[in-house]
Amino acid sequence: MLLRYTASADNTIVNAYQPNLVLRGTGSNAGRADIVEVFSIYGRQTPPVATTSGSQELSRYLIQFPMTAIAADRTAKTIPVAGNVNFYLKMFNAPSSKTVPDEYALKIHRVTEEWQEGIGLDLEGYKDLVKGKTGSDWIQSKKGSEWSTVGASYSTAAGDSFEQTFNTGLENLEVDITSLVEKWLDTTDNYGMVVKLAPAYEAFFSSSNGLNSGSLIHNPEGALTSYYTKRFFARGTQYFFKRPVIEARWNDIISDDRSRFNYSSSRAPAADNLNTVYFYNKIRGRLVDLPDVGTQNILLSLYSGSSDNSAPSGSALTAYDGNTNLTGSWVSTGIYKCDVAITAAATPITTLYDVWHSGGVQYYTGNISPKTLSTGETSEINKYFINISNLKEYYSTNETPRFNVYSRAKDWQPTIYTVANNTPEVLPILSASYRAYRLIDGYQVIPYGTGSDLHTGLSYDAKGNYFTMDMNAFQPGYAYALKFAVYDDIRKSWEEQDETFKFKVVEF
């Protein structure tokens, strides 16, 4: 699952010279510009020697995000608790006719002082000056206050600083800033971030006392060459998908093996003998935590059936760890799970009953039809027939719909004896992912997330696969499409499937 949060303020600040190469633009503001830039210029003033104060010109980018929105989603349990979600800062390269530097690194630091965005636009002549008005610049952090350190005050501590290297200079920026977001969600004041060149790429300047001098940054290990200019789209850009965002990603995959429960086999590794089953506590159409269990553990016991196989009977069965009470855990609001492994008796039980309980109270009884792993068979399914059974033509931006995905093997050829068994068995895909793109130009709104986060993975249960998607991530007024990829465990690769599913997004 992923959620995106757009920046609430940004600004480019500089100590660069204005075009006359006499006055510096330290008082300039670009809080309303639709482009931001980060650069370093060395040696425009003559002579370009190490002790010449005129040789250093820098640009830095300030950006801030609304932590209140992220905190509200954390409180509502829309976003998982710390440790189960990653946050990424994403900024998008803005094409430019100017020279683009290559082979350099950008640093992102936590800003430690409050600042104001301002309303300036000029990134060429640096003539939109704050002059004591609302806004930030190289010297001023906000109206009536100066930065403690020129060029923005920031922390270089672990967890507050991040880095990305650039080879061609045309790359987007994508950095995992989870540690910083979690600090903001905890107790640390949110003053945003500053994006700047790493010290080795910012221009050299060395003062005699080892301190900053006027608007110049003391940087004796700095570069004696220029890195001009890296541009990104700002939050005010007209391009919806190019705005800087914090993207929250987490793996919300539910792999419910109730419909594919297997007895343990000596041919299978221990992990493959485990079946994960789920209990969904749905009350009046919504999932809620059990009042007396909450987010704590729950117990599960397995029973065989009565003589007519209609209810649990006898004593609880002994599972893989020798216990009759297995410990399950809370997954998310109203959802609990438990890993189960059990060996088939001489005469295998055709129906198992899973009883979920805690503190002497039985909350739910389900049933499972276990199977015995077949031997000596090989099976390879590369292509599936896939359909979204509840796809709508239109979605509004305030929706987070659940898409139900029906799947079966593409070459399914049943032997039909009666009309009744003409319906194919649902074949949940154990490892699948989705992507979403804009139809008019193929722009990837949500690429496949098949890495460590696996944030575009599909869940499955007895009824098939499913996933949820936040429609606020889509620009309204356009048509989009979904595609699916299935992981081929033999080839160790993801295989995109043929079907395309189209829909439109409209303004709420």
Foldseek 3Di string as FASTA:
>chain_A
DKDKFFWPWKWKAKQDAFPVLPHGLQQFIAGQAQKYKWKWFACPDPPRDQADPSGTMTMKMFIFTPLVVVLVCVVVQVAPDPPFKWKKWWFAFDDDPDDAFFWFKKKKFAFQDAAFRDHHRDPHRSPRGCVQHAGDYQFPRGRPHGAPAGNTHTDPDPLGMWMDHGGRRRDIDITTSRSVSVVCSPDGPTRGIMMHTDLQAGAAHADPVQQADDSRGHRNNYDNHIRDITMTGDQNDPDLLRGIIIMMFADLAAAACQAAQAADDPVDPPVVQKGKHKDACADPRHFADDPVQRQHKWWKFKAFADPVRPDGDDDTDQWDVRDRIFIWGHRGGRMIMTITHHHADPPGGQKMWMWIGDPPDTDDIDIGGYDYDDPDDDDFAAAKDKDFPPDDQEDEQQDWDKTFMFIDGPPDDDDDDDPVPPDDQTDAARWKFKWKAFDVPRHTLGDQPPPPRRRRTWYAHRRYTMDIGRSNSDDAPTKMKMWMWGQGPVVRDTHTYDDIGMHGYHYD
